[in-house]
């Protein structure tokens, strides 16, 4: 963290799923933000993630969540979709960041569309366990996507999305085998075991 600099943390959720969008978030936290529980969203219970979502959305200086749908994922691949989604989330922030922290090891230079300048960025493997802004982005990306997948589970029952959120589980593969694929499935992914 760089003192006195508006630093945005970025992360995604749903990259390894067989269906649905990849959810990408960007968060700028205030310098005095505190949360003992804020960590990698995958290590927290759903109820704690939801409590943290409320706290982050209420206390963040700026936040945004963007979905990149299955059709675009199939067109540009999941890595590019994740990077494009995080950059769109940065575009949607109400405050322009001066520095960017990204979970993982891949990103591309980000040109701020308002100021037309490149914003410096750093990629951090396991950054969601190291930087609070990345952990906050991880929480928002996951909770927003989980909520959407539960809605999709009502539209397309039989795949277990209300529990597996579209990840490649036995129940999901069994649903595909029995019912075929839906318009939400990523056709570029291995959908049959």
N, C-alpha and C. Protein backbone atom coordinates (compact mmCIF):
# COMPACT_ATOMS: atom_id res chain seq x y z
N UNK A 1 0.84 -1.19 0.00
CA UNK A 1 0.00 0.00 0.00
C UNK A 1 0.88 1.25 0.00
N UNK A 2 0.53 2.21 -0.83
CA UNK A 2 1.30 3.44 -0.94
C UNK A 2 0.52 4.54 -0.23
N UNK A 3 1.12 5.14 0.78
CA UNK A 3 0.42 6.14 1.58
C UNK A 3 0.05 7.36 0.75
N UNK A 4 -1.19 7.82 0.94
CA UNK A 4 -1.67 9.02 0.27
C UNK A 4 -2.04 8.83 -1.19
N UNK A 5 -2.07 7.57 -1.65
CA UNK A 5 -2.38 7.28 -3.06
C UNK A 5 -3.68 6.49 -3.12
N UNK A 6 -4.56 6.87 -4.04
CA UNK A 6 -5.81 6.13 -4.25
C UNK A 6 -5.48 4.82 -4.95
N UNK A 7 -5.46 3.75 -4.16
CA UNK A 7 -5.03 2.45 -4.67
C UNK A 7 -6.22 1.52 -4.81
N UNK A 8 -6.41 0.99 -6.02
CA UNK A 8 -7.53 0.07 -6.28
C UNK A 8 -7.02 -1.35 -6.26
N UNK A 9 -7.73 -2.21 -5.52
CA UNK A 9 -7.47 -3.65 -5.56
C UNK A 9 -8.43 -4.28 -6.54
N UNK A 10 -7.94 -5.26 -7.33
CA UNK A 10 -8.77 -5.94 -8.33
C UNK A 10 -8.69 -7.45 -8.15
N UNK A 11 -9.83 -8.11 -8.35
CA UNK A 11 -9.86 -9.57 -8.33
C UNK A 11 -11.08 -10.03 -9.11
N UNK A 12 -11.14 -11.34 -9.36
CA UNK A 12 -12.24 -11.92 -10.10
C UNK A 12 -12.76 -13.15 -9.35
N UNK A 13 -13.93 -13.62 -9.75
CA UNK A 13 -14.50 -14.87 -9.22
C UNK A 13 -15.19 -15.59 -10.37
N UNK A 14 -15.09 -16.91 -10.35
CA UNK A 14 -15.78 -17.72 -11.35
C UNK A 14 -14.95 -18.07 -12.56
N UNK A 15 -13.66 -17.88 -12.46
CA UNK A 15 -12.79 -18.16 -13.61
C UNK A 15 -12.83 -19.64 -13.99
N UNK A 16 -12.89 -20.53 -13.01
CA UNK A 16 -12.85 -21.96 -13.28
C UNK A 16 -14.21 -22.61 -13.48
N UNK A 17 -15.26 -21.81 -13.55
CA UNK A 17 -16.61 -22.36 -13.70
C UNK A 17 -16.87 -22.83 -15.12
N UNK A 18 -17.86 -23.70 -15.26
CA UNK A 18 -18.26 -24.20 -16.57
C UNK A 18 -19.31 -23.31 -17.22
N UNK A 19 -19.92 -22.43 -16.44
CA UNK A 19 -21.01 -21.61 -16.96
C UNK A 19 -21.07 -20.28 -16.23
N UNK A 20 -21.90 -19.40 -16.77
CA UNK A 20 -22.09 -18.10 -16.14
C UNK A 20 -20.93 -17.17 -16.42
N UNK A 21 -21.05 -15.95 -15.92
CA UNK A 21 -20.01 -14.94 -16.18
C UNK A 21 -18.82 -15.11 -15.26
N UNK A 22 -17.72 -14.45 -15.62
CA UNK A 22 -16.65 -14.21 -14.66
C UNK A 22 -16.97 -12.84 -14.07
N UNK A 23 -16.91 -12.76 -12.75
CA UNK A 23 -17.24 -11.54 -12.03
C UNK A 23 -15.95 -10.84 -11.64
N UNK A 24 -15.84 -9.57 -11.98
CA UNK A 24 -14.60 -8.81 -11.75
C UNK A 24 -14.90 -7.57 -10.92
N UNK A 25 -14.08 -7.32 -9.92
CA UNK A 25 -14.33 -6.19 -9.02
C UNK A 25 -13.08 -5.34 -8.84
N UNK A 26 -13.32 -4.07 -8.57
CA UNK A 26 -12.27 -3.12 -8.20
C UNK A 26 -12.75 -2.35 -6.98
N UNK A 27 -11.86 -2.19 -6.00
CA UNK A 27 -12.23 -1.53 -4.73
C UNK A 27 -11.12 -0.59 -4.29
N UNK A 28 -11.50 0.62 -3.91
CA UNK A 28 -10.58 1.54 -3.25
C UNK A 28 -11.08 1.69 -1.81
N UNK A 29 -10.26 1.28 -0.87
CA UNK A 29 -10.62 1.37 0.55
C UNK A 29 -10.04 2.64 1.17
N UNK A 30 -10.69 3.15 2.20
CA UNK A 30 -10.09 4.29 2.91
C UNK A 30 -8.85 3.83 3.68
N UNK A 31 -7.90 4.73 3.94
CA UNK A 31 -6.66 4.33 4.63
C UNK A 31 -6.91 3.73 6.02
N UNK A 32 -8.01 4.14 6.68
CA UNK A 32 -8.27 3.66 8.04
C UNK A 32 -9.21 2.44 8.08
N UNK A 33 -9.44 1.81 6.93
CA UNK A 33 -10.35 0.66 6.89
C UNK A 33 -9.76 -0.49 7.71
N UNK A 34 -10.60 -1.08 8.55
CA UNK A 34 -10.16 -2.21 9.38
C UNK A 34 -11.17 -3.33 9.32
N UNK A 35 -10.65 -4.56 9.24
CA UNK A 35 -11.49 -5.75 9.32
C UNK A 35 -10.58 -6.94 9.58
N UNK A 36 -10.75 -7.55 10.74
CA UNK A 36 -9.94 -8.71 11.09
C UNK A 36 -10.29 -9.92 10.22
N UNK A 37 -11.52 -9.97 9.71
CA UNK A 37 -11.97 -11.14 8.95
C UNK A 37 -11.68 -11.05 7.47
N UNK A 38 -11.32 -9.88 6.97
CA UNK A 38 -11.13 -9.69 5.53
C UNK A 38 -9.95 -10.51 5.05
N UNK A 39 -10.22 -11.45 4.14
CA UNK A 39 -9.22 -12.37 3.64
C UNK A 39 -9.70 -12.90 2.30
N UNK A 40 -8.96 -13.82 1.74
CA UNK A 40 -9.36 -14.49 0.50
C UNK A 40 -10.79 -15.01 0.66
N UNK A 41 -11.67 -14.61 -0.25
CA UNK A 41 -13.10 -14.93 -0.13
C UNK A 41 -13.37 -16.43 -0.10
N UNK A 42 -12.50 -17.22 -0.74
CA UNK A 42 -12.72 -18.67 -0.78
C UNK A 42 -12.51 -19.32 0.58
N UNK A 43 -11.83 -18.65 1.48
CA UNK A 43 -11.54 -19.20 2.80
C UNK A 43 -12.60 -18.83 3.84
N UNK A 44 -13.61 -18.07 3.45
CA UNK A 44 -14.62 -17.59 4.39
C UNK A 44 -15.95 -18.29 4.14
N UNK A 45 -16.79 -18.32 5.16
CA UNK A 45 -18.13 -18.87 4.98
C UNK A 45 -18.98 -17.87 4.19
N UNK A 46 -20.05 -18.37 3.61
CA UNK A 46 -20.94 -17.51 2.82
C UNK A 46 -21.53 -16.39 3.67
N UNK A 47 -21.88 -16.69 4.92
CA UNK A 47 -22.49 -15.65 5.77
C UNK A 47 -21.48 -14.56 6.14
N UNK A 48 -20.23 -14.93 6.38
CA UNK A 48 -19.20 -13.92 6.68
C UNK A 48 -18.90 -13.09 5.43
N UNK A 49 -18.85 -13.76 4.27
CA UNK A 49 -18.65 -13.00 3.02
C UNK A 49 -19.75 -11.97 2.83
N UNK A 50 -20.99 -12.37 3.12
CA UNK A 50 -22.12 -11.45 2.94
C UNK A 50 -22.05 -10.27 3.91
N UNK A 51 -21.66 -10.53 5.16
CA UNK A 51 -21.48 -9.44 6.14
C UNK A 51 -20.37 -8.49 5.67
N UNK A 52 -19.28 -9.06 5.15
CA UNK A 52 -18.18 -8.23 4.67
C UNK A 52 -18.58 -7.44 3.44
N UNK A 53 -19.40 -8.03 2.56
CA UNK A 53 -19.88 -7.32 1.38
C UNK A 53 -20.58 -6.02 1.79
N UNK A 54 -21.46 -6.13 2.77
CA UNK A 54 -22.21 -4.96 3.24
C UNK A 54 -21.24 -3.90 3.78
N UNK A 55 -20.28 -4.34 4.59
CA UNK A 55 -19.31 -3.41 5.19
C UNK A 55 -18.45 -2.74 4.10
N UNK A 56 -17.98 -3.53 3.14
CA UNK A 56 -17.13 -2.99 2.06
C UNK A 56 -17.92 -1.98 1.23
N UNK A 57 -19.13 -2.35 0.83
CA UNK A 57 -19.93 -1.45 -0.01
C UNK A 57 -20.30 -0.16 0.73
N UNK A 58 -20.43 -0.25 2.04
CA UNK A 58 -20.78 0.93 2.84
C UNK A 58 -19.56 1.82 3.08
N UNK A 59 -18.39 1.22 3.32
CA UNK A 59 -17.23 1.98 3.77
C UNK A 59 -16.18 2.27 2.70
N UNK A 60 -16.22 1.57 1.58
CA UNK A 60 -15.22 1.80 0.53
C UNK A 60 -15.32 3.21 -0.02
N UNK A 61 -14.22 3.77 -0.42
CA UNK A 61 -14.19 5.07 -1.08
C UNK A 61 -14.87 4.94 -2.44
N UNK A 62 -14.61 3.82 -3.12
CA UNK A 62 -15.24 3.52 -4.41
C UNK A 62 -15.17 2.02 -4.65
N UNK A 63 -16.20 1.49 -5.32
CA UNK A 63 -16.18 0.08 -5.70
C UNK A 63 -17.04 -0.13 -6.94
N UNK A 64 -16.72 -1.19 -7.67
CA UNK A 64 -17.49 -1.55 -8.86
C UNK A 64 -17.34 -3.04 -9.13
N UNK A 65 -18.41 -3.65 -9.62
CA UNK A 65 -18.40 -5.06 -10.02
C UNK A 65 -18.93 -5.14 -11.45
N UNK A 66 -18.22 -5.87 -12.29
CA UNK A 66 -18.58 -6.03 -13.70
C UNK A 66 -18.61 -7.52 -14.02
N UNK A 67 -19.61 -7.93 -14.81
CA UNK A 67 -19.72 -9.33 -15.26
C UNK A 67 -19.33 -9.41 -16.73
N UNK A 68 -18.53 -10.43 -17.06
CA UNK A 68 -18.21 -10.73 -18.45
C UNK A 68 -18.88 -12.06 -18.76
N UNK A 69 -19.82 -12.07 -19.71
CA UNK A 69 -20.66 -13.24 -19.91
C UNK A 69 -19.95 -14.37 -20.66
N UNK A 70 -20.61 -15.54 -20.66
CA UNK A 70 -20.04 -16.75 -21.24
C UNK A 70 -19.72 -16.58 -22.72
N UNK A 71 -20.56 -15.87 -23.44
CA UNK A 71 -20.32 -15.68 -24.88
C UNK A 71 -19.01 -14.93 -25.12
N UNK A 72 -18.77 -13.88 -24.33
CA UNK A 72 -17.52 -13.13 -24.49
C UNK A 72 -16.32 -13.96 -24.02
N UNK A 73 -16.51 -14.74 -22.95
CA UNK A 73 -15.45 -15.64 -22.48
C UNK A 73 -15.06 -16.60 -23.61
N UNK A 74 -16.07 -17.19 -24.26
CA UNK A 74 -15.79 -18.12 -25.36
C UNK A 74 -15.08 -17.42 -26.52
N UNK A 75 -15.37 -16.16 -26.72
CA UNK A 75 -14.80 -15.41 -27.84
C UNK A 75 -13.35 -14.99 -27.58
N UNK A 76 -13.04 -14.55 -26.35
CA UNK A 76 -11.69 -13.99 -26.09
C UNK A 76 -10.86 -14.83 -25.12
N UNK A 77 -11.39 -15.85 -24.55
CA UNK A 77 -10.83 -16.80 -23.58
C UNK A 77 -10.92 -16.24 -22.15
N UNK A 78 -10.83 -17.13 -21.19
CA UNK A 78 -11.11 -16.75 -19.79
C UNK A 78 -10.06 -15.80 -19.21
N UNK A 79 -8.79 -15.97 -19.57
CA UNK A 79 -7.77 -15.05 -19.05
C UNK A 79 -8.03 -13.64 -19.54
N UNK A 80 -8.25 -13.49 -20.85
CA UNK A 80 -8.53 -12.15 -21.40
C UNK A 80 -9.82 -11.58 -20.83
N UNK A 81 -10.83 -12.44 -20.67
CA UNK A 81 -12.11 -11.97 -20.10
C UNK A 81 -11.91 -11.44 -18.68
N UNK A 82 -11.06 -12.11 -17.89
CA UNK A 82 -10.79 -11.67 -16.52
C UNK A 82 -10.09 -10.32 -16.51
N UNK A 83 -9.11 -10.16 -17.38
CA UNK A 83 -8.37 -8.89 -17.44
C UNK A 83 -9.28 -7.76 -17.94
N UNK A 84 -10.03 -8.04 -19.02
CA UNK A 84 -10.96 -7.04 -19.56
C UNK A 84 -11.99 -6.65 -18.50
N UNK A 85 -12.51 -7.64 -17.78
CA UNK A 85 -13.51 -7.36 -16.74
C UNK A 85 -12.95 -6.50 -15.62
N UNK A 86 -11.74 -6.80 -15.17
CA UNK A 86 -11.14 -5.98 -14.11
C UNK A 86 -10.90 -4.56 -14.61
N UNK A 87 -10.50 -4.41 -15.87
CA UNK A 87 -10.29 -3.06 -16.40
C UNK A 87 -11.62 -2.31 -16.55
N UNK A 88 -12.68 -3.02 -16.90
CA UNK A 88 -14.01 -2.38 -16.96
C UNK A 88 -14.47 -1.97 -15.56
N UNK A 89 -14.15 -2.79 -14.56
CA UNK A 89 -14.48 -2.42 -13.18
C UNK A 89 -13.72 -1.16 -12.77
N UNK A 90 -12.45 -1.06 -13.16
CA UNK A 90 -11.68 0.16 -12.89
C UNK A 90 -12.31 1.36 -13.58
N UNK A 91 -12.76 1.16 -14.83
CA UNK A 91 -13.44 2.24 -15.57
C UNK A 91 -14.67 2.75 -14.81
N UNK A 92 -15.36 1.82 -14.14
CA UNK A 92 -16.64 2.14 -13.48
C UNK A 92 -16.48 2.78 -12.11
N UNK A 93 -15.26 2.84 -11.57
CA UNK A 93 -15.07 3.45 -10.25
C UNK A 93 -15.41 4.93 -10.28
N UNK A 94 -16.01 5.41 -9.20
CA UNK A 94 -16.38 6.83 -9.11
C UNK A 94 -15.18 7.72 -8.79
N UNK A 95 -14.08 7.12 -8.33
CA UNK A 95 -12.83 7.84 -8.06
C UNK A 95 -11.75 7.21 -8.92
N UNK A 96 -10.96 8.03 -9.58
CA UNK A 96 -9.90 7.48 -10.45
C UNK A 96 -8.74 6.99 -9.60
N UNK A 97 -8.32 5.73 -9.77
CA UNK A 97 -7.19 5.21 -9.00
C UNK A 97 -5.86 5.77 -9.50
N UNK A 98 -4.90 5.82 -8.60
CA UNK A 98 -3.55 6.26 -8.96
C UNK A 98 -2.57 5.10 -9.00
N UNK A 99 -3.00 3.97 -8.45
CA UNK A 99 -2.19 2.75 -8.45
C UNK A 99 -3.14 1.57 -8.39
N UNK A 100 -2.75 0.44 -9.00
CA UNK A 100 -3.62 -0.73 -9.06
C UNK A 100 -2.87 -1.95 -8.56
N UNK A 101 -3.53 -2.72 -7.68
CA UNK A 101 -3.02 -4.01 -7.22
C UNK A 101 -3.95 -5.09 -7.77
N UNK A 102 -3.38 -6.10 -8.41
CA UNK A 102 -4.16 -7.14 -9.06
C UNK A 102 -3.79 -8.49 -8.49
N UNK A 103 -4.80 -9.28 -8.12
CA UNK A 103 -4.54 -10.64 -7.66
C UNK A 103 -4.10 -11.49 -8.84
N UNK A 104 -3.04 -12.26 -8.66
CA UNK A 104 -2.55 -13.15 -9.71
C UNK A 104 -1.26 -12.65 -10.31
N UNK A 105 -0.94 -13.16 -11.51
CA UNK A 105 0.33 -12.78 -12.13
C UNK A 105 0.18 -12.25 -13.56
N UNK A 106 -1.07 -12.01 -13.97
CA UNK A 106 -1.30 -11.52 -15.33
C UNK A 106 -2.22 -10.30 -15.31
N UNK A 107 -1.82 -9.27 -16.03
CA UNK A 107 -2.62 -8.07 -16.22
C UNK A 107 -2.03 -7.34 -17.42
N UNK A 108 -2.71 -6.35 -17.91
CA UNK A 108 -2.19 -5.54 -19.01
C UNK A 108 -2.19 -4.08 -18.57
N UNK A 109 -1.34 -3.26 -19.17
CA UNK A 109 -1.35 -1.83 -18.81
C UNK A 109 -2.77 -1.27 -18.91
N UNK A 110 -3.11 -0.46 -17.92
CA UNK A 110 -4.44 0.13 -17.84
C UNK A 110 -4.37 1.61 -18.17
N UNK A 111 -5.06 1.99 -19.24
CA UNK A 111 -5.14 3.39 -19.64
C UNK A 111 -6.41 3.98 -19.05
N UNK A 112 -6.24 4.95 -18.15
CA UNK A 112 -7.40 5.60 -17.55
C UNK A 112 -8.16 6.34 -18.65
N UNK A 113 -9.45 5.99 -18.87
CA UNK A 113 -10.20 6.58 -19.99
C UNK A 113 -10.53 8.06 -19.81
N UNK A 114 -10.50 8.55 -18.57
CA UNK A 114 -10.82 9.96 -18.34
C UNK A 114 -9.59 10.85 -18.48
N UNK A 115 -8.47 10.38 -17.92
CA UNK A 115 -7.26 11.20 -17.93
C UNK A 115 -6.30 10.82 -19.07
N UNK A 116 -6.59 9.68 -19.75
CA UNK A 116 -5.75 9.19 -20.85
C UNK A 116 -4.29 9.03 -20.43
N UNK A 117 -4.09 8.45 -19.23
CA UNK A 117 -2.74 8.14 -18.76
C UNK A 117 -2.72 6.69 -18.29
N UNK A 118 -1.55 6.08 -18.41
CA UNK A 118 -1.38 4.72 -17.89
C UNK A 118 -1.28 4.79 -16.37
N UNK A 119 -2.04 3.95 -15.70
CA UNK A 119 -1.98 3.88 -14.24
C UNK A 119 -1.05 2.73 -13.87
N UNK A 120 -0.05 2.97 -13.04
CA UNK A 120 0.86 1.89 -12.67
C UNK A 120 0.12 0.76 -11.94
N UNK A 121 0.54 -0.47 -12.21
CA UNK A 121 -0.09 -1.62 -11.56
C UNK A 121 0.97 -2.63 -11.11
N UNK A 122 0.58 -3.42 -10.13
CA UNK A 122 1.41 -4.54 -9.67
C UNK A 122 0.52 -5.76 -9.54
N UNK A 123 1.01 -6.89 -10.05
CA UNK A 123 0.31 -8.15 -9.86
C UNK A 123 0.91 -8.84 -8.63
N UNK A 124 0.05 -9.49 -7.86
CA UNK A 124 0.49 -10.13 -6.62
C UNK A 124 -0.15 -11.51 -6.52
N UNK A 125 0.66 -12.56 -6.62
CA UNK A 125 0.15 -13.91 -6.45
C UNK A 125 -0.31 -14.06 -5.00
N UNK A 126 -1.52 -14.60 -4.83
CA UNK A 126 -2.17 -14.70 -3.51
C UNK A 126 -2.34 -13.32 -2.86
N UNK A 127 -2.56 -12.33 -3.71
CA UNK A 127 -2.73 -10.95 -3.23
C UNK A 127 -3.95 -10.77 -2.35
N UNK A 128 -4.96 -11.64 -2.54
CA UNK A 128 -6.17 -11.53 -1.71
C UNK A 128 -5.91 -11.93 -0.26
N UNK A 129 -4.78 -12.58 0.00
CA UNK A 129 -4.41 -12.91 1.37
C UNK A 129 -3.37 -11.92 1.91
N UNK A 130 -2.96 -10.95 1.08
CA UNK A 130 -1.91 -10.00 1.45
C UNK A 130 -2.39 -8.56 1.55
N UNK A 131 -3.23 -8.14 0.60
CA UNK A 131 -3.68 -6.75 0.55
C UNK A 131 -5.18 -6.66 0.77
N UNK A 132 -5.59 -5.77 1.68
CA UNK A 132 -7.02 -5.66 2.00
C UNK A 132 -7.85 -5.22 0.80
N UNK A 133 -7.31 -4.35 -0.05
CA UNK A 133 -8.10 -3.90 -1.20
C UNK A 133 -8.37 -5.04 -2.17
N UNK A 134 -7.40 -5.93 -2.35
CA UNK A 134 -7.61 -7.09 -3.22
C UNK A 134 -8.60 -8.06 -2.56
N UNK A 135 -8.44 -8.28 -1.25
CA UNK A 135 -9.38 -9.15 -0.53
C UNK A 135 -10.80 -8.60 -0.62
N UNK A 136 -10.95 -7.29 -0.52
CA UNK A 136 -12.28 -6.67 -0.62
C UNK A 136 -12.86 -6.88 -2.02
N UNK A 137 -12.03 -6.75 -3.06
CA UNK A 137 -12.48 -7.00 -4.42
C UNK A 137 -12.88 -8.46 -4.59
N UNK A 138 -12.14 -9.35 -3.97
CA UNK A 138 -12.45 -10.78 -4.01
C UNK A 138 -13.82 -11.06 -3.41
N UNK A 139 -14.11 -10.42 -2.27
CA UNK A 139 -15.40 -10.59 -1.60
C UNK A 139 -16.54 -10.10 -2.49
N UNK A 140 -16.39 -8.91 -3.05
CA UNK A 140 -17.46 -8.36 -3.89
C UNK A 140 -17.66 -9.19 -5.15
N UNK A 141 -16.58 -9.60 -5.79
CA UNK A 141 -16.70 -10.41 -7.00
C UNK A 141 -17.44 -11.71 -6.69
N UNK A 142 -17.07 -12.36 -5.61
CA UNK A 142 -17.68 -13.66 -5.27
C UNK A 142 -19.13 -13.51 -4.83
N UNK A 143 -19.44 -12.57 -3.97
CA UNK A 143 -20.82 -12.45 -3.47
C UNK A 143 -21.78 -12.02 -4.58
N UNK A 144 -21.35 -11.11 -5.43
CA UNK A 144 -22.22 -10.68 -6.53
C UNK A 144 -22.45 -11.83 -7.51
N UNK A 145 -21.41 -12.60 -7.79
CA UNK A 145 -21.56 -13.72 -8.72
C UNK A 145 -22.43 -14.83 -8.10
N UNK A 146 -22.20 -15.13 -6.83
CA UNK A 146 -22.99 -16.19 -6.17
C UNK A 146 -24.48 -15.84 -6.20
N UNK A 147 -24.80 -14.59 -5.94
CA UNK A 147 -26.20 -14.17 -5.96
C UNK A 147 -26.80 -14.37 -7.36
N UNK A 148 -26.04 -14.01 -8.38
CA UNK A 148 -26.50 -14.17 -9.75
C UNK A 148 -26.68 -15.65 -10.11
N UNK A 149 -25.74 -16.50 -9.69
CA UNK A 149 -25.83 -17.93 -10.01
C UNK A 149 -27.04 -18.57 -9.32
N UNK A 150 -27.40 -18.10 -8.16
CA UNK A 150 -28.60 -18.63 -7.49
C UNK A 150 -29.86 -18.24 -8.27
N UNK A 151 -29.87 -17.06 -8.86
CA UNK A 151 -31.00 -16.67 -9.72
C UNK A 151 -31.03 -17.55 -10.98
N UNK A 152 -29.86 -17.79 -11.56
CA UNK A 152 -29.79 -18.65 -12.74
C UNK A 152 -30.23 -20.08 -12.41
N UNK A 153 -29.94 -20.54 -11.19
CA UNK A 153 -30.33 -21.89 -10.78
C UNK A 153 -31.84 -22.07 -10.81
N UNK A 154 -32.58 -20.99 -10.56
CA UNK A 154 -34.04 -21.05 -10.63
C UNK A 154 -34.51 -21.13 -12.08
N UNK A 155 -33.81 -20.45 -12.97
CA UNK A 155 -34.15 -20.49 -14.40
C UNK A 155 -33.79 -21.83 -15.03
N UNK A 156 -32.66 -22.39 -14.58
CA UNK A 156 -32.16 -23.64 -15.16
C UNK A 156 -31.91 -24.66 -14.03
N UNK A 157 -32.98 -25.26 -13.51
CA UNK A 157 -32.79 -26.23 -12.43
C UNK A 157 -32.15 -27.52 -12.94
N UNK A 158 -31.57 -28.28 -12.01
CA UNK A 158 -31.03 -29.59 -12.35
C UNK A 158 -29.53 -29.64 -12.52
N UNK A 159 -28.86 -28.50 -12.37
CA UNK A 159 -27.40 -28.46 -12.49
C UNK A 159 -26.71 -28.23 -11.13
N UNK A 160 -27.51 -27.94 -10.11
CA UNK A 160 -26.95 -27.71 -8.78
C UNK A 160 -26.26 -26.38 -8.60
N UNK A 161 -26.58 -25.40 -9.48
CA UNK A 161 -25.89 -24.11 -9.40
C UNK A 161 -26.12 -23.39 -8.09
N UNK A 162 -27.25 -23.67 -7.43
CA UNK A 162 -27.51 -23.01 -6.15
C UNK A 162 -26.47 -23.40 -5.10
N UNK A 163 -25.80 -24.54 -5.32
CA UNK A 163 -24.74 -24.99 -4.40
C UNK A 163 -23.35 -24.88 -5.02
N UNK A 164 -23.20 -25.31 -6.29
CA UNK A 164 -21.86 -25.35 -6.89
C UNK A 164 -21.48 -24.07 -7.63
N UNK A 165 -22.43 -23.14 -7.79
CA UNK A 165 -22.20 -21.83 -8.42
C UNK A 165 -21.63 -21.94 -9.84
N UNK A 166 -21.82 -23.12 -10.46
CA UNK A 166 -21.34 -23.31 -11.82
C UNK A 166 -19.98 -23.96 -11.92
N UNK A 167 -19.36 -24.28 -10.78
CA UNK A 167 -18.07 -24.95 -10.81
C UNK A 167 -18.24 -26.40 -11.27
N UNK A 168 -17.16 -27.04 -11.72
CA UNK A 168 -17.25 -28.39 -12.26
C UNK A 168 -17.36 -29.47 -11.17
N UNK A 169 -18.56 -29.65 -10.66
CA UNK A 169 -18.82 -30.66 -9.64
C UNK A 169 -19.50 -31.87 -10.28
N UNK A 170 -19.57 -32.95 -9.52
CA UNK A 170 -20.26 -34.16 -10.00
C UNK A 170 -21.71 -33.84 -10.37
N UNK A 171 -22.40 -33.08 -9.51
CA UNK A 171 -23.81 -32.73 -9.77
C UNK A 171 -23.95 -31.90 -11.05
N UNK A 172 -23.00 -31.01 -11.28
CA UNK A 172 -23.06 -30.17 -12.49
C UNK A 172 -22.86 -31.02 -13.74
N UNK A 173 -21.83 -31.87 -13.73
CA UNK A 173 -21.59 -32.75 -14.88
C UNK A 173 -22.78 -33.68 -15.12
N UNK A 174 -23.37 -34.16 -14.04
CA UNK A 174 -24.54 -35.04 -14.17
C UNK A 174 -25.71 -34.29 -14.80
N UNK A 175 -25.90 -33.03 -14.41
CA UNK A 175 -26.95 -32.20 -15.01
C UNK A 175 -26.72 -32.00 -16.50
N UNK A 176 -25.47 -31.76 -16.89
CA UNK A 176 -25.15 -31.60 -18.31
C UNK A 176 -25.42 -32.91 -19.06
N UNK A 177 -25.02 -34.03 -18.47
CA UNK A 177 -25.24 -35.33 -19.11
C UNK A 177 -26.73 -35.60 -19.33
N UNK A 178 -27.55 -35.27 -18.32
CA UNK A 178 -28.99 -35.54 -18.37
C UNK A 178 -29.74 -34.55 -19.25
N UNK A 179 -29.40 -33.26 -19.13
CA UNK A 179 -30.22 -32.20 -19.73
C UNK A 179 -29.56 -31.46 -20.88
N UNK A 180 -28.28 -31.69 -21.08
CA UNK A 180 -27.55 -30.92 -22.09
C UNK A 180 -27.10 -29.58 -21.54
N UNK A 181 -26.53 -28.76 -22.41
CA UNK A 181 -26.00 -27.47 -21.95
C UNK A 181 -27.06 -26.38 -22.11
N UNK A 182 -26.84 -25.28 -21.40
CA UNK A 182 -27.74 -24.12 -21.42
C UNK A 182 -27.05 -22.98 -22.20
N UNK A 183 -27.78 -21.92 -22.49
CA UNK A 183 -27.13 -20.75 -23.12
C UNK A 183 -26.07 -20.11 -22.23
N UNK A 184 -26.06 -20.45 -20.93
CA UNK A 184 -25.09 -19.85 -20.01
C UNK A 184 -23.78 -20.64 -19.93
N UNK A 185 -23.74 -21.84 -20.54
CA UNK A 185 -22.51 -22.63 -20.47
C UNK A 185 -21.43 -22.05 -21.39
N UNK A 186 -20.19 -22.22 -20.95
CA UNK A 186 -19.03 -21.76 -21.71
C UNK A 186 -18.65 -22.87 -22.68
N UNK A 187 -18.95 -22.69 -23.93
CA UNK A 187 -18.76 -23.75 -24.92
C UNK A 187 -17.29 -24.05 -25.21
N UNK A 188 -16.41 -23.13 -24.85
CA UNK A 188 -14.98 -23.35 -25.06
C UNK A 188 -14.36 -24.16 -23.91
N UNK A 189 -15.15 -24.47 -22.87
CA UNK A 189 -14.67 -25.25 -21.74
C UNK A 189 -15.02 -26.73 -21.96
N UNK A 190 -14.34 -27.61 -21.23
CA UNK A 190 -14.62 -29.04 -21.30
C UNK A 190 -15.87 -29.30 -20.47
N UNK A 191 -17.01 -29.46 -21.14
CA UNK A 191 -18.30 -29.55 -20.46
C UNK A 191 -18.74 -30.99 -20.18
N UNK A 192 -18.05 -31.94 -20.78
CA UNK A 192 -18.39 -33.35 -20.54
C UNK A 192 -17.18 -34.06 -20.01
N UNK A 193 -17.40 -34.88 -18.97
CA UNK A 193 -16.29 -35.65 -18.41
C UNK A 193 -15.98 -36.81 -19.32
